[in-house]
Structures are given as structure tokens and as C-alpha cells.
Amino acid sequence: MDRAPRQQIVYRPVNMQRVMMSSSRPASEQNITESLAQFETVTLDELDAVALLDRFDTKYLISATDALTVLTQLHQDYRVLEIDGRLLHQYRTRYFDTPAFDLYRRHHADEPVRHKIRSRQYLDTGLAFFEVKTRTEQGRIVKARLRTDSPVTVLTAGARALLAANVPADQRDVEPKVCNDFERITLAGRHTPERLTLDLGLRFAYDGRAMILPGVVIAEVKRSRPDDASPFVQLMSQRGTLPTGVSKYCLGVAMLVPGIQHQAFDDTLRAIAALATCQTAT
């Protein structure tokens, strides 16, 4: 079957500070925070009581407009995380990979066991962690992490020890690669042991290039078992929206690393193009 041509993405050098500080966003994204006023709140301590570091993930790619519509139907099923009066929280992530992008290539080949290695900073709280996310043969997501004083840019002894405990030896020689910034809404199930996150304002950067995905939202349901009841999953099913194996790291590499293989993610890239106009920041 013939496939539609992939949308052409133009790479240009960018002003990185301008990209990261940009406040331009679609009206639908601006209205999302207003829709959260009807939710009861949950504290970070309450949320941490259900860490779900060993879990099953179900992801969806939706528009900000759809996210706004869906949120109006979920306030009786979830509470929203509030930190210092804020309901929308800023994240900054630097991913690590081998010089040849072997971790990305394992994802592209859909290897049953694969890893993501990242340094994540929670800008609202100042917390930072070095993390390894492992997908097991059974499809579980297991996360191991190390609290750090600041974002990791060079592997420390502690970071290397975490890698040694969780990553095969031939995949540990890693270096900083793609970084991304986004804002996250975190919802906790009122009647179900789950978390639901909505990531928006997605921005990616690598080697002087950047990409902004306005109006695109990545939703992720995190549950201890894949068959646990989830009001969000049920709502997505009713709306005819299917899960997708979207990965922010793989998206960033596919969009910003010239010449790298990306065919396995072309359907996702086309879906993003259908949701919003992907624009290169300049």
C-alpha cells in the first residue's frame, strides 16, 4: 500500500533562549488551565504515595482542543496536582543516548526490551533526577532514578552506578542528546489507583535546531495493571480515539536529527501534522 509522503521539516539554526522562553501558544492551550478550576486538588505528598514507578502506560496523541473538551468531563473522576497554587507544571528533560543513537534505534526496531536515559528537572520545585526507564518483555515500565543537585550534563559516579544496575553494558556509553521542555497537568484518580498526565507546549532542541508542536497534547495513563479501570481510557474509547506508542524522545530525534531512520514513526509524525502546524522556531 502506498503511504502518504512525510511532511517536510526544514531545519534552521535557532536562538535557543528565545525558543525556551517563548510564550506563544494556541488559545486552546491557554484555556486548558481555566478548565482545571472545577477539579479538586491533590498535594504532591498525596500523589507521591502512589509513585507507580513499576507500571503499565497507555498513551494518546490528541489536540489541545480535544484535551480541553475531555477535561470538562473528568472532574468527578480525578483530582489535579497543585503546587504553590499552580496547576500547570514546567518540565525540562535532557535525554542521553550512545553516539550512534543505539537506544533510539532499539525503539525504532520495536525491540521488546528497551531503555530511555534522561536527566529531568522539575522547574516548579527545583527538583532534579537522573532516570532510567525500562520497558520489559511483559510491557511493564520500570523507572529507577537518582536525586541530583542539578540537571546532569556529564555522567557522575552516581549516574554511572544507576546505569550499571539497570542498563546492559553495551548501552551505557551515553552522552547528552535531544532535550525538551513541556508543561504538564497531572491528574490522580479519585476512585482508581492511576495517574493521568497531559503534556502540552511541547518544544524540542538538538544541535542548534528546535521544533515547537503547538496545539499537540500527549496524554498518558499510568496504572499498576493494564486492565485496571480508567475513566480516561473509557472516554477515549467512546470518542473513537485509539492509543498510540508515542515517545517524546523518539519524536525529538526523528524531527531534529538529519539522516536518521524514522520510518517506524512516520504514522505518528503524520498524526501530529494533522493535529497542528509543526513550526520550526527561528
C-alpha atoms as a PDB file:
ATOM      1  CA  MET A   1       0.000   0.000   0.000  1.00  0.00           C
ATOM      2  CA  ASP A   2       1.354   3.416  -0.938  1.00  0.00           C
ATOM      3  CA  ARG A   3       1.967   5.729   2.011  1.00  0.00           C
ATOM      4  CA  ALA A   4       1.459   9.456   2.075  1.00  0.00           C
ATOM      5  CA  PRO A   5       4.727  11.384   1.844  1.00  0.00           C
ATOM      6  CA  ARG A   6       6.179  12.526   5.124  1.00  0.00           C
ATOM      7  CA  GLN A   7       5.730  16.202   5.877  1.00  0.00           C
ATOM      8  CA  GLN A   8       8.911  18.068   5.039  1.00  0.00           C
ATOM      9  CA  ILE A   9      10.593  19.648   8.036  1.00  0.00           C
ATOM     10  CA  VAL A  10      13.001  22.496   7.459  1.00  0.00           C
ATOM     11  CA  TYR A  11      15.981  22.654   9.819  1.00  0.00           C
ATOM     12  CA  ARG A  12      17.364  26.050  10.702  1.00  0.00           C
ATOM     13  CA  PRO A  13      19.749  27.358  13.361  1.00  0.00           C
ATOM     14  CA  VAL A  14      17.713  28.886  16.170  1.00  0.00           C
ATOM     15  CA  ASN A  15      18.093  31.196  19.126  1.00  0.00           C
ATOM     16  CA  MET A  16      17.784  28.594  21.896  1.00  0.00           C
ATOM     17  CA  GLN A  17      16.969  31.075  24.658  1.00  0.00           C
ATOM     18  CA  ARG A  18      14.166  32.531  22.570  1.00  0.00           C
ATOM     19  CA  VAL A  19      12.740  29.072  21.904  1.00  0.00           C
ATOM     20  CA  MET A  20      12.748  28.041  25.550  1.00  0.00           C
ATOM     21  CA  MET A  21      11.252  31.329  26.748  1.00  0.00           C
ATOM     22  CA  SER A  22       8.584  31.579  24.034  1.00  0.00           C
ATOM     23  CA  SER A  23       5.098  32.110  25.464  1.00  0.00           C
ATOM     24  CA  SER A  24       3.216  31.929  22.171  1.00  0.00           C
ATOM     25  CA  ARG A  25       0.525  29.246  22.276  1.00  0.00           C
ATOM     26  CA  PRO A  26      -2.840  28.455  20.714  1.00  0.00           C
ATOM     27  CA  ALA A  27      -5.930  29.765  22.503  1.00  0.00           C
ATOM     28  CA  SER A  28      -6.991  26.178  23.235  1.00  0.00           C
ATOM     29  CA  GLU A  29      -3.824  25.650  25.305  1.00  0.00           C
ATOM     30  CA  GLN A  30      -4.375  28.927  27.127  1.00  0.00           C
ATOM     31  CA  ASN A  31      -7.906  27.852  28.053  1.00  0.00           C
ATOM     32  CA  ILE A  32      -6.883  24.477  29.462  1.00  0.00           C
ATOM     33  CA  THR A  33      -5.770  25.905  32.804  1.00  0.00           C
ATOM     34  CA  GLU A  34      -9.102  27.672  33.170  1.00  0.00           C
ATOM     35  CA  SER A  35     -10.904  24.347  32.730  1.00  0.00           C
ATOM     36  CA  LEU A  36      -8.998  22.928  35.721  1.00  0.00           C
ATOM     37  CA  ALA A  37     -10.799  25.248  38.162  1.00  0.00           C
ATOM     38  CA  GLN A  38     -13.614  22.707  38.510  1.00  0.00           C
ATOM     39  CA  PHE A  39     -11.246  19.974  39.767  1.00  0.00           C
ATOM     40  CA  GLU A  40     -10.490  19.270  43.413  1.00  0.00           C
ATOM     41  CA  THR A  41      -6.767  19.391  44.077  1.00  0.00           C
ATOM     42  CA  VAL A  42      -4.234  16.876  45.349  1.00  0.00           C
ATOM     43  CA  THR A  43      -0.898  17.681  47.004  1.00  0.00           C
ATOM     44  CA  LEU A  44       2.498  16.428  45.895  1.00  0.00           C
ATOM     45  CA  ASP A  45       2.822  14.360  49.091  1.00  0.00           C
ATOM     46  CA  GLU A  46      -0.525  12.692  48.417  1.00  0.00           C
ATOM     47  CA  LEU A  47       0.492  11.996  44.833  1.00  0.00           C
ATOM     48  CA  ASP A  48       3.849  10.536  45.870  1.00  0.00           C
ATOM     49  CA  ALA A  49       2.016   7.978  47.992  1.00  0.00           C
ATOM     50  CA  VAL A  50       1.177   6.258  44.688  1.00  0.00           C
ATOM     51  CA  ALA A  51       4.522   6.622  42.881  1.00  0.00           C
ATOM     52  CA  LEU A  52       3.800   3.982  40.177  1.00  0.00           C
ATOM     53  CA  LEU A  53       7.479   3.503  39.353  1.00  0.00           C
ATOM     54  CA  ASP A  54       6.547  -0.007  38.165  1.00  0.00           C
ATOM     55  CA  ARG A  55       3.516   0.255  35.900  1.00  0.00           C
ATOM     56  CA  PHE A  56       1.813  -0.040  32.545  1.00  0.00           C
ATOM     57  CA  ASP A  57       1.498   3.064  30.364  1.00  0.00           C
ATOM     58  CA  THR A  58      -1.177   3.850  27.806  1.00  0.00           C
ATOM     59  CA  LYS A  59      -0.543   6.909  25.622  1.00  0.00           C
ATOM     60  CA  TYR A  60      -2.725   9.023  23.366  1.00  0.00           C
ATOM     61  CA  LEU A  61      -1.979  11.792  20.919  1.00  0.00           C
ATOM     62  CA  ILE A  62      -4.745  14.416  20.923  1.00  0.00           C
ATOM     63  CA  SER A  63      -5.240  18.068  20.072  1.00  0.00           C
ATOM     64  CA  ALA A  64      -5.345  20.782  22.710  1.00  0.00           C
ATOM     65  CA  THR A  65      -8.927  21.459  21.670  1.00  0.00           C
ATOM     66  CA  ASP A  66      -9.875  17.834  22.351  1.00  0.00           C
ATOM     67  CA  ALA A  67      -7.981  17.905  25.652  1.00  0.00           C
ATOM     68  CA  LEU A  68      -9.988  20.935  26.700  1.00  0.00           C
ATOM     69  CA  THR A  69     -13.241  19.151  25.825  1.00  0.00           C
ATOM     70  CA  VAL A  70     -12.220  15.968  27.639  1.00  0.00           C
ATOM     71  CA  LEU A  71     -11.188  17.772  30.822  1.00  0.00           C
ATOM     72  CA  THR A  72     -14.693  19.167  31.243  1.00  0.00           C
ATOM     73  CA  GLN A  73     -15.931  15.563  31.550  1.00  0.00           C
ATOM     74  CA  LEU A  74     -13.369  14.265  34.044  1.00  0.00           C
ATOM     75  CA  HIS A  75     -13.621  16.456  37.147  1.00  0.00           C
ATOM     76  CA  GLN A  76     -15.687  13.880  39.044  1.00  0.00           C
ATOM     77  CA  ASP A  77     -13.140  11.130  38.383  1.00  0.00           C
ATOM     78  CA  TYR A  78      -9.815  12.881  39.024  1.00  0.00           C
ATOM     79  CA  ARG A  79      -8.096  15.442  41.230  1.00  0.00           C
ATOM     80  CA  VAL A  80      -5.458  17.781  39.840  1.00  0.00           C
ATOM     81  CA  LEU A  81      -1.981  18.252  41.288  1.00  0.00           C
ATOM     82  CA  GLU A  82      -1.471  21.700  42.783  1.00  0.00           C
ATOM     83  CA  ILE A  83       1.959  23.033  43.776  1.00  0.00           C
ATOM     84  CA  ASP A  84       2.172  26.539  45.253  1.00  0.00           C
ATOM     85  CA  GLY A  85      -1.097  27.470  43.603  1.00  0.00           C
ATOM     86  CA  ARG A  86      -0.011  26.212  40.160  1.00  0.00           C
ATOM     87  CA  LEU A  87      -1.880  23.511  38.237  1.00  0.00           C
ATOM     88  CA  LEU A  88       0.318  23.566  35.128  1.00  0.00           C
ATOM     89  CA  HIS A  89       3.887  22.484  35.846  1.00  0.00           C
ATOM     90  CA  GLN A  90       7.068  23.008  33.832  1.00  0.00           C
ATOM     91  CA  TYR A  91       9.414  20.140  32.991  1.00  0.00           C
ATOM     92  CA  ARG A  92      12.806  20.152  31.297  1.00  0.00           C
ATOM     93  CA  THR A  93      14.401  16.912  30.123  1.00  0.00           C
ATOM     94  CA  ARG A  94      17.757  16.057  28.595  1.00  0.00           C
ATOM     95  CA  TYR A  95      17.910  12.599  27.039  1.00  0.00           C
ATOM     96  CA  PHE A  96      21.083  10.544  26.788  1.00  0.00           C
ATOM     97  CA  ASP A  97      21.972   8.039  24.108  1.00  0.00           C
ATOM     98  CA  THR A  98      25.043   6.403  22.644  1.00  0.00           C
ATOM     99  CA  PRO A  99      26.969   8.353  19.966  1.00  0.00           C
ATOM    100  CA  ALA A 100      25.217   6.208  17.308  1.00  0.00           C
ATOM    101  CA  PHE A 101      21.738   6.628  18.883  1.00  0.00           C
ATOM    102  CA  ASP A 102      21.541   2.917  19.736  1.00  0.00           C
ATOM    103  CA  LEU A 103      18.745   3.417  22.300  1.00  0.00           C
ATOM    104  CA  TYR A 104      16.655   5.293  19.742  1.00  0.00           C
ATOM    105  CA  ARG A 105      17.348   2.608  17.156  1.00  0.00           C
ATOM    106  CA  ARG A 106      16.126  -0.104  19.551  1.00  0.00           C
ATOM    107  CA  HIS A 107      12.867   1.820  19.920  1.00  0.00           C
ATOM    108  CA  HIS A 108      12.634   2.232  16.160  1.00  0.00           C
ATOM    109  CA  ALA A 109      13.126  -1.537  15.715  1.00  0.00           C
ATOM    110  CA  ASP A 110      10.443  -2.177  18.390  1.00  0.00           C
ATOM    111  CA  GLU A 111      12.795  -4.286  20.482  1.00  0.00           C
ATOM    112  CA  PRO A 112      10.815  -5.875  23.343  1.00  0.00           C
ATOM    113  CA  VAL A 113      13.278  -4.646  25.997  1.00  0.00           C
ATOM    114  CA  ARG A 114      14.490  -1.076  25.672  1.00  0.00           C
ATOM    115  CA  HIS A 115      15.629   1.852  27.771  1.00  0.00           C
ATOM    116  CA  LYS A 116      15.381   5.600  27.969  1.00  0.00           C
ATOM    117  CA  ILE A 117      18.041   7.500  29.894  1.00  0.00           C
ATOM    118  CA  ARG A 118      17.352  11.067  30.920  1.00  0.00           C
ATOM    119  CA  SER A 119      18.021  13.916  33.306  1.00  0.00           C
ATOM    120  CA  ARG A 120      14.756  15.595  34.286  1.00  0.00           C
ATOM    121  CA  GLN A 121      14.277  18.898  36.061  1.00  0.00           C
ATOM    122  CA  TYR A 122      11.000  19.882  37.704  1.00  0.00           C
ATOM    123  CA  LEU A 123      11.216  23.642  37.331  1.00  0.00           C
ATOM    124  CA  ASP A 124       8.409  24.481  39.785  1.00  0.00           C
ATOM    125  CA  THR A 125      10.029  22.671  42.709  1.00  0.00           C
ATOM    126  CA  GLY A 126      13.697  22.800  41.701  1.00  0.00           C
ATOM    127  CA  LEU A 127      13.972  19.004  41.989  1.00  0.00           C
ATOM    128  CA  ALA A 128      16.158  17.101  39.531  1.00  0.00           C
ATOM    129  CA  PHE A 129      16.586  13.388  38.898  1.00  0.00           C
ATOM    130  CA  PHE A 130      18.734  11.180  36.685  1.00  0.00           C
ATOM    131  CA  GLU A 131      16.472   8.381  35.477  1.00  0.00           C
ATOM    132  CA  VAL A 132      16.400   5.108  33.602  1.00  0.00           C
ATOM    133  CA  LYS A 133      13.057   3.951  32.172  1.00  0.00           C
ATOM    134  CA  THR A 134      12.990   0.314  31.128  1.00  0.00           C
ATOM    135  CA  ARG A 135      10.315  -1.398  29.082  1.00  0.00           C
ATOM    136  CA  THR A 136      10.271  -5.090  29.979  1.00  0.00           C
ATOM    137  CA  GLU A 137       9.351  -8.016  27.753  1.00  0.00           C
ATOM    138  CA  GLN A 138       5.967  -8.073  29.511  1.00  0.00           C
ATOM    139  CA  GLY A 139       5.347  -4.449  28.533  1.00  0.00           C
ATOM    140  CA  ARG A 140       5.802  -3.051  32.029  1.00  0.00           C
ATOM    141  CA  ILE A 141       7.520   0.298  32.524  1.00  0.00           C
ATOM    142  CA  VAL A 142      10.029   0.260  35.389  1.00  0.00           C
ATOM    143  CA  LYS A 143      11.663   3.513  36.409  1.00  0.00           C
ATOM    144  CA  ALA A 144      14.830   3.820  38.508  1.00  0.00           C
ATOM    145  CA  ARG A 145      16.038   7.264  39.480  1.00  0.00           C
ATOM    146  CA  LEU A 146      18.671   9.153  41.401  1.00  0.00           C
ATOM    147  CA  ARG A 147      18.071  12.518  43.036  1.00  0.00           C
ATOM    148  CA  THR A 148      20.653  15.049  41.829  1.00  0.00           C
ATOM    149  CA  ASP A 149      21.561  18.547  42.983  1.00  0.00           C
ATOM    150  CA  SER A 150      21.227  19.888  39.449  1.00  0.00           C
ATOM    151  CA  PRO A 151      20.455  18.553  35.966  1.00  0.00           C
ATOM    152  CA  VAL A 152      23.058  16.034  34.793  1.00  0.00           C
ATOM    153  CA  THR A 153      25.063  17.029  31.724  1.00  0.00           C
ATOM    154  CA  VAL A 154      28.125  14.837  32.371  1.00  0.00           C
ATOM    155  CA  LEU A 155      27.760  11.368  33.856  1.00  0.00           C
ATOM    156  CA  THR A 156      28.655  11.329  37.541  1.00  0.00           C
ATOM    157  CA  ALA A 157      29.717   8.318  39.621  1.00  0.00           C
ATOM    158  CA  GLY A 158      26.153   8.040  40.912  1.00  0.00           C
ATOM    159  CA  ALA A 159      24.707   8.223  37.395  1.00  0.00           C
ATOM    160  CA  ARG A 160      27.104   5.545  36.175  1.00  0.00           C
ATOM    161  CA  ALA A 161      26.147   3.310  39.097  1.00  0.00           C
ATOM    162  CA  LEU A 162      22.461   3.705  38.215  1.00  0.00           C
ATOM    163  CA  LEU A 163      23.228   2.762  34.613  1.00  0.00           C
ATOM    164  CA  ALA A 164      25.282  -0.246  35.702  1.00  0.00           C
ATOM    165  CA  ALA A 165      22.363  -1.530  37.769  1.00  0.00           C
ATOM    166  CA  ASN A 166      19.729  -1.075  35.076  1.00  0.00           C
ATOM    167  CA  VAL A 167      21.235  -0.951  31.561  1.00  0.00           C
ATOM    168  CA  PRO A 168      23.250  -3.583  29.637  1.00  0.00           C
ATOM    169  CA  ALA A 169      26.942  -2.821  29.372  1.00  0.00           C
ATOM    170  CA  ASP A 170      26.849  -2.222  25.611  1.00  0.00           C
ATOM    171  CA  GLN A 171      24.251   0.561  26.059  1.00  0.00           C
ATOM    172  CA  ARG A 172      25.865   2.553  28.898  1.00  0.00           C
ATOM    173  CA  ASP A 173      28.350   4.678  26.939  1.00  0.00           C
ATOM    174  CA  VAL A 174      25.922   7.570  26.589  1.00  0.00           C
ATOM    175  CA  GLU A 175      26.100  11.304  26.066  1.00  0.00           C
ATOM    176  CA  PRO A 176      23.553  14.169  26.080  1.00  0.00           C
ATOM    177  CA  LYS A 177      21.316  14.270  23.027  1.00  0.00           C
ATOM    178  CA  VAL A 178      17.855  15.779  22.483  1.00  0.00           C
ATOM    179  CA  CYS A 179      16.292  17.981  25.135  1.00  0.00           C
ATOM    180  CA  ASN A 180      12.679  19.001  25.512  1.00  0.00           C
ATOM    181  CA  ASP A 181      10.551  21.395  27.519  1.00  0.00           C
ATOM    182  CA  PHE A 182       6.858  20.979  28.161  1.00  0.00           C
ATOM    183  CA  GLU A 183       4.119  21.791  30.620  1.00  0.00           C
ATOM    184  CA  ARG A 184       2.257  19.018  32.405  1.00  0.00           C
ATOM    185  CA  ILE A 185      -1.124  18.636  34.010  1.00  0.00           C
ATOM    186  CA  THR A 186      -1.106  15.730  36.461  1.00  0.00           C
ATOM    187  CA  LEU A 187      -4.376  14.142  37.495  1.00  0.00           C
ATOM    188  CA  ALA A 188      -4.818  11.470  40.186  1.00  0.00           C
ATOM    189  CA  GLY A 189      -7.730   9.055  40.065  1.00  0.00           C
ATOM    190  CA  ARG A 190     -10.325   9.731  42.735  1.00  0.00           C
ATOM    191  CA  HIS A 191     -11.646   6.161  42.678  1.00  0.00           C
ATOM    192  CA  THR A 192      -8.890   4.348  40.756  1.00  0.00           C
ATOM    193  CA  PRO A 193      -5.132   3.953  41.548  1.00  0.00           C
ATOM    194  CA  GLU A 194      -3.888   5.735  38.474  1.00  0.00           C
ATOM    195  CA  ARG A 195      -2.230   8.874  37.234  1.00  0.00           C
ATOM    196  CA  LEU A 196      -3.162  10.730  34.091  1.00  0.00           C
ATOM    197  CA  THR A 197      -0.736  13.265  32.653  1.00  0.00           C
ATOM    198  CA  LEU A 198      -1.363  15.733  29.839  1.00  0.00           C
ATOM    199  CA  ASP A 199       1.787  17.218  28.278  1.00  0.00           C
ATOM    200  CA  LEU A 200       1.434  20.372  26.185  1.00  0.00           C
ATOM    201  CA  GLY A 201       3.576  23.232  24.942  1.00  0.00           C
ATOM    202  CA  LEU A 202       5.995  20.648  23.577  1.00  0.00           C
ATOM    203  CA  ARG A 203       9.387  22.026  22.486  1.00  0.00           C
ATOM    204  CA  PHE A 204      12.411  20.065  21.325  1.00  0.00           C
ATOM    205  CA  ALA A 205      16.017  21.095  20.737  1.00  0.00           C
ATOM    206  CA  TYR A 206      19.144  19.412  19.430  1.00  0.00           C
ATOM    207  CA  ASP A 207      22.404  20.678  17.995  1.00  0.00           C
ATOM    208  CA  GLY A 208      21.192  24.197  17.229  1.00  0.00           C
ATOM    209  CA  ARG A 209      17.829  23.075  15.852  1.00  0.00           C
ATOM    210  CA  ALA A 210      14.447  23.324  17.552  1.00  0.00           C
ATOM    211  CA  MET A 211      10.872  22.298  16.933  1.00  0.00           C
ATOM    212  CA  ILE A 212       7.668  23.528  18.593  1.00  0.00           C
ATOM    213  CA  LEU A 213       4.450  21.488  18.407  1.00  0.00           C
ATOM    214  CA  PRO A 214       1.657  23.991  19.068  1.00  0.00           C
ATOM    215  CA  GLY A 215      -1.733  22.567  19.941  1.00  0.00           C
ATOM    216  CA  VAL A 216      -0.465  18.991  20.374  1.00  0.00           C
ATOM    217  CA  VAL A 217      -1.079  17.128  23.656  1.00  0.00           C
ATOM    218  CA  ILE A 218       0.404  13.790  24.712  1.00  0.00           C
ATOM    219  CA  ALA A 219      -1.832  12.081  27.273  1.00  0.00           C
ATOM    220  CA  GLU A 220      -0.534   9.177  29.322  1.00  0.00           C
ATOM    221  CA  VAL A 221      -2.392   6.869  31.700  1.00  0.00           C
ATOM    222  CA  LYS A 222      -0.207   5.143  34.284  1.00  0.00           C
ATOM    223  CA  ARG A 223      -1.651   2.067  36.011  1.00  0.00           C
ATOM    224  CA  SER A 224      -0.306  -0.849  38.019  1.00  0.00           C
ATOM    225  CA  ARG A 225      -2.186  -3.255  35.704  1.00  0.00           C
ATOM    226  CA  PRO A 226      -3.280  -2.679  32.111  1.00  0.00           C
ATOM    227  CA  ASP A 227      -6.820  -3.892  32.802  1.00  0.00           C
ATOM    228  CA  ASP A 228      -7.420  -1.561  35.764  1.00  0.00           C
ATOM    229  CA  ALA A 229     -10.475   0.615  35.213  1.00  0.00           C
ATOM    230  CA  SER A 230      -9.658   4.088  33.880  1.00  0.00           C
ATOM    231  CA  PRO A 231     -12.310   6.760  33.240  1.00  0.00           C
ATOM    232  CA  PHE A 232      -9.983   8.465  30.754  1.00  0.00           C
ATOM    233  CA  VAL A 233      -9.354   5.277  28.756  1.00  0.00           C
ATOM    234  CA  GLN A 234     -13.092   4.604  28.694  1.00  0.00           C
ATOM    235  CA  LEU A 235     -13.754   8.140  27.468  1.00  0.00           C
ATOM    236  CA  MET A 236     -11.125   7.828  24.735  1.00  0.00           C
ATOM    237  CA  SER A 237     -12.734   4.573  23.610  1.00  0.00           C
ATOM    238  CA  GLN A 238     -16.160   6.211  23.468  1.00  0.00           C
ATOM    239  CA  ARG A 239     -14.687   9.009  21.348  1.00  0.00           C
ATOM    240  CA  GLY A 240     -13.031   6.511  18.990  1.00  0.00           C
ATOM    241  CA  THR A 241      -9.507   7.641  19.911  1.00  0.00           C
ATOM    242  CA  LEU A 242      -7.005   4.787  19.871  1.00  0.00           C
ATOM    243  CA  PRO A 243      -3.822   4.531  21.981  1.00  0.00           C
ATOM    244  CA  THR A 244      -0.509   5.206  20.291  1.00  0.00           C
ATOM    245  CA  GLY A 245       3.057   4.297  21.227  1.00  0.00           C
ATOM    246  CA  VAL A 246       4.278   7.873  21.067  1.00  0.00           C
ATOM    247  CA  SER A 247       7.639   8.671  22.695  1.00  0.00           C
ATOM    248  CA  LYS A 248       8.761  12.256  23.239  1.00  0.00           C
ATOM    249  CA  TYR A 249      12.402  11.226  22.889  1.00  0.00           C
ATOM    250  CA  CYS A 250      11.821   9.360  19.643  1.00  0.00           C
ATOM    251  CA  LEU A 251       9.781  12.266  18.277  1.00  0.00           C
ATOM    252  CA  GLY A 252      12.595  14.677  19.061  1.00  0.00           C
ATOM    253  CA  VAL A 253      15.202  12.506  17.366  1.00  0.00           C
ATOM    254  CA  ALA A 254      13.002  11.811  14.320  1.00  0.00           C
ATOM    255  CA  MET A 255      12.304  15.516  13.822  1.00  0.00           C
ATOM    256  CA  LEU A 256      15.701  17.013  14.603  1.00  0.00           C
ATOM    257  CA  VAL A 257      18.461  14.549  13.722  1.00  0.00           C
ATOM    258  CA  PRO A 258      19.111  14.735   9.963  1.00  0.00           C
ATOM    259  CA  GLY A 259      19.535  11.452   8.146  1.00  0.00           C
ATOM    260  CA  ILE A 260      18.384   9.160  10.934  1.00  0.00           C
ATOM    261  CA  GLN A 261      15.953   6.355  10.177  1.00  0.00           C
ATOM    262  CA  HIS A 262      12.400   7.254  11.195  1.00  0.00           C
ATOM    263  CA  GLN A 263      10.008   5.188   9.071  1.00  0.00           C
ATOM    264  CA  ALA A 264       8.542   3.407  12.098  1.00  0.00           C
ATOM    265  CA  PHE A 265       7.366   6.759  13.455  1.00  0.00           C
ATOM    266  CA  ASP A 266       6.004   8.240  10.237  1.00  0.00           C
ATOM    267  CA  ASP A 267       2.385   7.492  11.195  1.00  0.00           C
ATOM    268  CA  THR A 268       2.879   9.402  14.440  1.00  0.00           C
ATOM    269  CA  LEU A 269       4.526  12.294  12.618  1.00  0.00           C
ATOM    270  CA  ARG A 270       1.626  12.447  10.181  1.00  0.00           C
ATOM    271  CA  ALA A 271      -0.834  12.390  13.085  1.00  0.00           C
ATOM    272  CA  ILE A 272       0.993  15.337  14.649  1.00  0.00           C
ATOM    273  CA  ALA A 273       0.864  17.207  11.360  1.00  0.00           C
ATOM    274  CA  ALA A 274      -2.893  16.604  11.269  1.00  0.00           C
ATOM    275  CA  LEU A 275      -3.352  17.948  14.786  1.00  0.00           C
ATOM    276  CA  ALA A 276      -1.407  21.142  14.384  1.00  0.00           C
ATOM    277  CA  THR A 277       1.038  23.030  12.205  1.00  0.00           C
ATOM    278  CA  CYS A 278       4.517  21.904  13.187  1.00  0.00           C
ATOM    279  CA  GLN A 279       6.634  25.038  13.037  1.00  0.00           C
ATOM    280  CA  THR A 280      10.378  25.420  13.177  1.00  0.00           C
ATOM    281  CA  ALA A 281      11.368  28.147  15.608  1.00  0.00           C
ATOM    282  CA  THR A 282      13.630  30.876  14.262  1.00  0.00           C
END
